[in-house]
Amino acid sequence: MAIRFFSEDIDFKPKNKQLLIKWLNGVITNSGKKAGTINYIFCPDAYLSDLNIKYLGHNTLTDIITFPVDTNNPLKVAGDIYISIERVAENAIVFNTTSDNELHRVMVHGLLHLLGHNDKTNAEREQMRQAEDTCLALLDI
């Protein structure tokens, strides 16, 4: 299927799109699954905040929201991953990294959610961070 990139209410296009698609597909393949349609939607804080309130009942800023799509096939992953470019830029400063590195971490974070990873507890957050680090090591940019 396809990994696609869109933007809503913001003019943003990720760099190295084909390399990112190859990397994300590799993460999926390494998990033993296949890609369905995965949409990355880049947006501003306000857009993501509205989704957060409407669908999750959370009135807080966040950098990412992942909505899985049921493919009726447990080996296929699909979904919509919304990413706030404003949060990514601010978090890059907070975490002393580049905006591109933070964007890649957030992109793979959303994909890991589609692959079944959770981050509700401290232990799950630690496992998620380790999985992100492992995946980021596979990205050759």
C-alpha atoms as a PDB file:
ATOM      1  CA  MET A   1       0.000   0.000   0.000  1.00  0.00           C
ATOM      2  CA  ALA A   2       1.351   3.471   0.731  1.00  0.00           C
ATOM      3  CA  ILE A   3       2.887   5.851   3.209  1.00  0.00           C
ATOM      4  CA  ARG A   4       1.719   9.338   2.290  1.00  0.00           C
ATOM      5  CA  PHE A   5       2.389  12.862   3.538  1.00  0.00           C
ATOM      6  CA  PHE A   6      -0.146  15.681   3.779  1.00  0.00           C
ATOM      7  CA  SER A   7      -0.454  19.021   5.528  1.00  0.00           C
ATOM      8  CA  GLU A   8      -3.452  20.792   7.041  1.00  0.00           C
ATOM      9  CA  ASP A   9      -3.516  24.530   7.788  1.00  0.00           C
ATOM     10  CA  ILE A  10       0.269  24.728   7.414  1.00  0.00           C
ATOM     11  CA  ASP A  11       2.745  24.753   4.558  1.00  0.00           C
ATOM     12  CA  PHE A  12       5.075  21.894   5.438  1.00  0.00           C
ATOM     13  CA  LYS A  13       6.749  19.129   3.472  1.00  0.00           C
ATOM     14  CA  PRO A  14       9.220  16.710   5.054  1.00  0.00           C
ATOM     15  CA  LYS A  15      12.714  16.524   3.591  1.00  0.00           C
ATOM     16  CA  ASN A  16      13.930  13.329   1.930  1.00  0.00           C
ATOM     17  CA  LYS A  17      10.420  11.904   1.470  1.00  0.00           C
ATOM     18  CA  GLN A  18      11.493   8.798  -0.428  1.00  0.00           C
ATOM     19  CA  LEU A  19      14.165   7.970   2.139  1.00  0.00           C
ATOM     20  CA  LEU A  20      11.635   8.447   4.960  1.00  0.00           C
ATOM     21  CA  ILE A  21       9.155   6.149   3.214  1.00  0.00           C
ATOM     22  CA  LYS A  22      11.843   3.490   2.772  1.00  0.00           C
ATOM     23  CA  TRP A  23      12.843   3.812   6.453  1.00  0.00           C
ATOM     24  CA  LEU A  24       9.265   3.648   7.756  1.00  0.00           C
ATOM     25  CA  ASN A  25       8.494   0.654   5.537  1.00  0.00           C
ATOM     26  CA  GLY A  26      11.639  -1.002   6.929  1.00  0.00           C
ATOM     27  CA  VAL A  27      10.402  -0.450  10.484  1.00  0.00           C
ATOM     28  CA  ILE A  28       7.106  -2.107   9.543  1.00  0.00           C
ATOM     29  CA  THR A  29       8.828  -5.018   7.801  1.00  0.00           C
ATOM     30  CA  ASN A  30      11.179  -5.530  10.766  1.00  0.00           C
ATOM     31  CA  SER A  31       8.100  -5.845  12.985  1.00  0.00           C
ATOM     32  CA  GLY A  32       6.829  -8.731  10.849  1.00  0.00           C
ATOM     33  CA  LYS A  33       3.926  -6.721   9.448  1.00  0.00           C
ATOM     34  CA  LYS A  34       2.984  -5.075   6.167  1.00  0.00           C
ATOM     35  CA  ALA A  35       2.028  -1.495   5.454  1.00  0.00           C
ATOM     36  CA  GLY A  36      -1.505  -0.606   4.610  1.00  0.00           C
ATOM     37  CA  THR A  37      -2.260   3.036   3.942  1.00  0.00           C
ATOM     38  CA  ILE A  38      -0.494   5.226   6.479  1.00  0.00           C
ATOM     39  CA  ASN A  39      -1.115   8.957   6.272  1.00  0.00           C
ATOM     40  CA  TYR A  40       1.140  11.451   8.005  1.00  0.00           C
ATOM     41  CA  ILE A  41      -0.687  14.754   8.378  1.00  0.00           C
ATOM     42  CA  PHE A  42       1.455  17.716   9.428  1.00  0.00           C
ATOM     43  CA  CYS A  43      -0.443  20.545  11.076  1.00  0.00           C
ATOM     44  CA  PRO A  44      -0.207  23.463  13.534  1.00  0.00           C
ATOM     45  CA  ASP A  45      -0.915  23.269  17.278  1.00  0.00           C
ATOM     46  CA  ALA A  46      -4.461  24.606  16.921  1.00  0.00           C
ATOM     47  CA  TYR A  47      -5.459  21.912  14.429  1.00  0.00           C
ATOM     48  CA  LEU A  48      -4.068  19.100  16.572  1.00  0.00           C
ATOM     49  CA  SER A  49      -5.514  20.614  19.734  1.00  0.00           C
ATOM     50  CA  ASP A  50      -8.985  20.579  18.164  1.00  0.00           C
ATOM     51  CA  LEU A  51      -8.581  16.880  17.303  1.00  0.00           C
ATOM     52  CA  ASN A  52      -7.320  16.161  20.807  1.00  0.00           C
ATOM     53  CA  ILE A  53     -10.415  17.755  22.358  1.00  0.00           C
ATOM     54  CA  LYS A  54     -12.911  16.343  19.845  1.00  0.00           C
ATOM     55  CA  TYR A  55     -11.731  12.725  19.735  1.00  0.00           C
ATOM     56  CA  LEU A  56      -9.779  12.141  22.939  1.00  0.00           C
ATOM     57  CA  GLY A  57     -11.339  14.625  25.358  1.00  0.00           C
ATOM     58  CA  HIS A  58      -7.940  16.095  26.237  1.00  0.00           C
ATOM     59  CA  ASN A  59      -7.566  19.868  26.401  1.00  0.00           C
ATOM     60  CA  THR A  60      -3.761  19.860  26.203  1.00  0.00           C
ATOM     61  CA  LEU A  61      -1.148  20.492  23.567  1.00  0.00           C
ATOM     62  CA  THR A  62       0.494  17.414  22.125  1.00  0.00           C
ATOM     63  CA  ASP A  63       2.979  16.727  19.368  1.00  0.00           C
ATOM     64  CA  ILE A  64       1.224  13.697  17.884  1.00  0.00           C
ATOM     65  CA  ILE A  65      -2.063  11.838  17.738  1.00  0.00           C
ATOM     66  CA  THR A  66      -2.312   8.442  16.067  1.00  0.00           C
ATOM     67  CA  PHE A  67      -5.582   7.008  14.788  1.00  0.00           C
ATOM     68  CA  PRO A  68      -5.277   3.355  13.786  1.00  0.00           C
ATOM     69  CA  VAL A  69      -7.453   2.018  10.985  1.00  0.00           C
ATOM     70  CA  ASP A  70      -8.700  -1.553  11.273  1.00  0.00           C
ATOM     71  CA  THR A  71      -7.543  -3.459   8.208  1.00  0.00           C
ATOM     72  CA  ASN A  72      -9.191  -6.761   9.232  1.00  0.00           C
ATOM     73  CA  ASN A  73      -5.713  -8.222   8.870  1.00  0.00           C
ATOM     74  CA  PRO A  74      -3.575  -8.456  12.021  1.00  0.00           C
ATOM     75  CA  LEU A  75      -0.399  -8.407   9.925  1.00  0.00           C
ATOM     76  CA  LYS A  76      -1.252  -5.139   8.168  1.00  0.00           C
ATOM     77  CA  VAL A  77      -0.920  -1.708   9.799  1.00  0.00           C
ATOM     78  CA  ALA A  78      -2.787   1.380   8.673  1.00  0.00           C
ATOM     79  CA  GLY A  79      -3.792   4.689  10.150  1.00  0.00           C
ATOM     80  CA  ASP A  80      -3.589   8.445  10.283  1.00  0.00           C
ATOM     81  CA  ILE A  81      -0.765  10.101  12.201  1.00  0.00           C
ATOM     82  CA  TYR A  82      -1.217  13.804  12.952  1.00  0.00           C
ATOM     83  CA  ILE A  83       1.910  15.745  13.917  1.00  0.00           C
ATOM     84  CA  SER A  84       2.102  19.326  15.182  1.00  0.00           C
ATOM     85  CA  ILE A  85       5.067  20.963  13.494  1.00  0.00           C
ATOM     86  CA  GLU A  86       5.002  23.727  16.124  1.00  0.00           C
ATOM     87  CA  ARG A  87       5.332  21.179  18.970  1.00  0.00           C
ATOM     88  CA  VAL A  88       8.124  19.380  17.122  1.00  0.00           C
ATOM     89  CA  ALA A  89      10.066  22.649  16.744  1.00  0.00           C
ATOM     90  CA  GLU A  90       9.610  23.578  20.411  1.00  0.00           C
ATOM     91  CA  ASN A  91      10.451  20.070  21.618  1.00  0.00           C
ATOM     92  CA  ALA A  92      13.626  20.107  19.525  1.00  0.00           C
ATOM     93  CA  ILE A  93      14.769  23.108  21.556  1.00  0.00           C
ATOM     94  CA  VAL A  94      13.716  21.527  24.870  1.00  0.00           C
ATOM     95  CA  PHE A  95      15.482  18.238  24.058  1.00  0.00           C
ATOM     96  CA  ASN A  96      18.514  19.968  22.509  1.00  0.00           C
ATOM     97  CA  THR A  97      18.223  18.329  19.106  1.00  0.00           C
ATOM     98  CA  THR A  98      17.443  19.414  15.578  1.00  0.00           C
ATOM     99  CA  SER A  99      13.900  19.845  14.302  1.00  0.00           C
ATOM    100  CA  ASP A 100      14.557  17.094  11.743  1.00  0.00           C
ATOM    101  CA  ASN A 101      15.724  14.640  14.425  1.00  0.00           C
ATOM    102  CA  GLU A 102      12.715  15.429  16.599  1.00  0.00           C
ATOM    103  CA  LEU A 103      10.381  15.085  13.617  1.00  0.00           C
ATOM    104  CA  HIS A 104      11.825  11.650  12.821  1.00  0.00           C
ATOM    105  CA  ARG A 105      11.404  10.557  16.447  1.00  0.00           C
ATOM    106  CA  VAL A 106       7.775  11.684  16.474  1.00  0.00           C
ATOM    107  CA  MET A 107       7.088  10.057  13.104  1.00  0.00           C
ATOM    108  CA  VAL A 108       8.393   6.689  14.260  1.00  0.00           C
ATOM    109  CA  HIS A 109       6.613   7.125  17.618  1.00  0.00           C
ATOM    110  CA  GLY A 110       3.288   7.288  15.788  1.00  0.00           C
ATOM    111  CA  LEU A 111       4.192   4.286  13.660  1.00  0.00           C
ATOM    112  CA  LEU A 112       5.157   2.318  16.774  1.00  0.00           C
ATOM    113  CA  HIS A 113       1.685   3.023  18.170  1.00  0.00           C
ATOM    114  CA  LEU A 114       0.195   1.533  14.992  1.00  0.00           C
ATOM    115  CA  LEU A 115       2.462  -1.481  15.506  1.00  0.00           C
ATOM    116  CA  GLY A 116       1.019  -2.031  18.986  1.00  0.00           C
ATOM    117  CA  HIS A 117       3.387  -0.159  21.302  1.00  0.00           C
ATOM    118  CA  ASN A 118       1.889   1.821  24.172  1.00  0.00           C
ATOM    119  CA  ASP A 119       3.259   4.563  26.395  1.00  0.00           C
ATOM    120  CA  LYS A 120       0.764   4.937  29.236  1.00  0.00           C
ATOM    121  CA  THR A 121       2.969   3.657  32.074  1.00  0.00           C
ATOM    122  CA  ASN A 122       6.573   4.502  32.960  1.00  0.00           C
ATOM    123  CA  ALA A 123       7.687   1.028  31.867  1.00  0.00           C
ATOM    124  CA  GLU A 124       5.852   1.368  28.542  1.00  0.00           C
ATOM    125  CA  ARG A 125       7.337   4.839  27.989  1.00  0.00           C
ATOM    126  CA  GLU A 126      10.820   3.423  28.556  1.00  0.00           C
ATOM    127  CA  GLN A 127      10.155   0.561  26.118  1.00  0.00           C
ATOM    128  CA  MET A 128       8.771   3.045  23.586  1.00  0.00           C
ATOM    129  CA  ARG A 129      11.863   5.250  23.901  1.00  0.00           C
ATOM    130  CA  GLN A 130      14.118   2.227  23.367  1.00  0.00           C
ATOM    131  CA  ALA A 131      12.081   1.183  20.314  1.00  0.00           C
ATOM    132  CA  GLU A 132      12.313   4.750  18.946  1.00  0.00           C
ATOM    133  CA  ASP A 133      16.082   4.764  19.430  1.00  0.00           C
ATOM    134  CA  THR A 134      16.418   1.392  17.694  1.00  0.00           C
ATOM    135  CA  CYS A 135      14.330   2.606  14.759  1.00  0.00           C
ATOM    136  CA  LEU A 136      16.140   5.934  14.512  1.00  0.00           C
ATOM    137  CA  ALA A 137      19.448   4.071  14.269  1.00  0.00           C
ATOM    138  CA  LEU A 138      18.134   2.527  11.035  1.00  0.00           C
ATOM    139  CA  LEU A 139      17.557   5.948   9.440  1.00  0.00           C
ATOM    140  CA  ASP A 140      20.492   6.909   7.282  1.00  0.00           C
ATOM    141  CA  ILE A 141      20.153  10.607   6.517  1.00  0.00           C
END
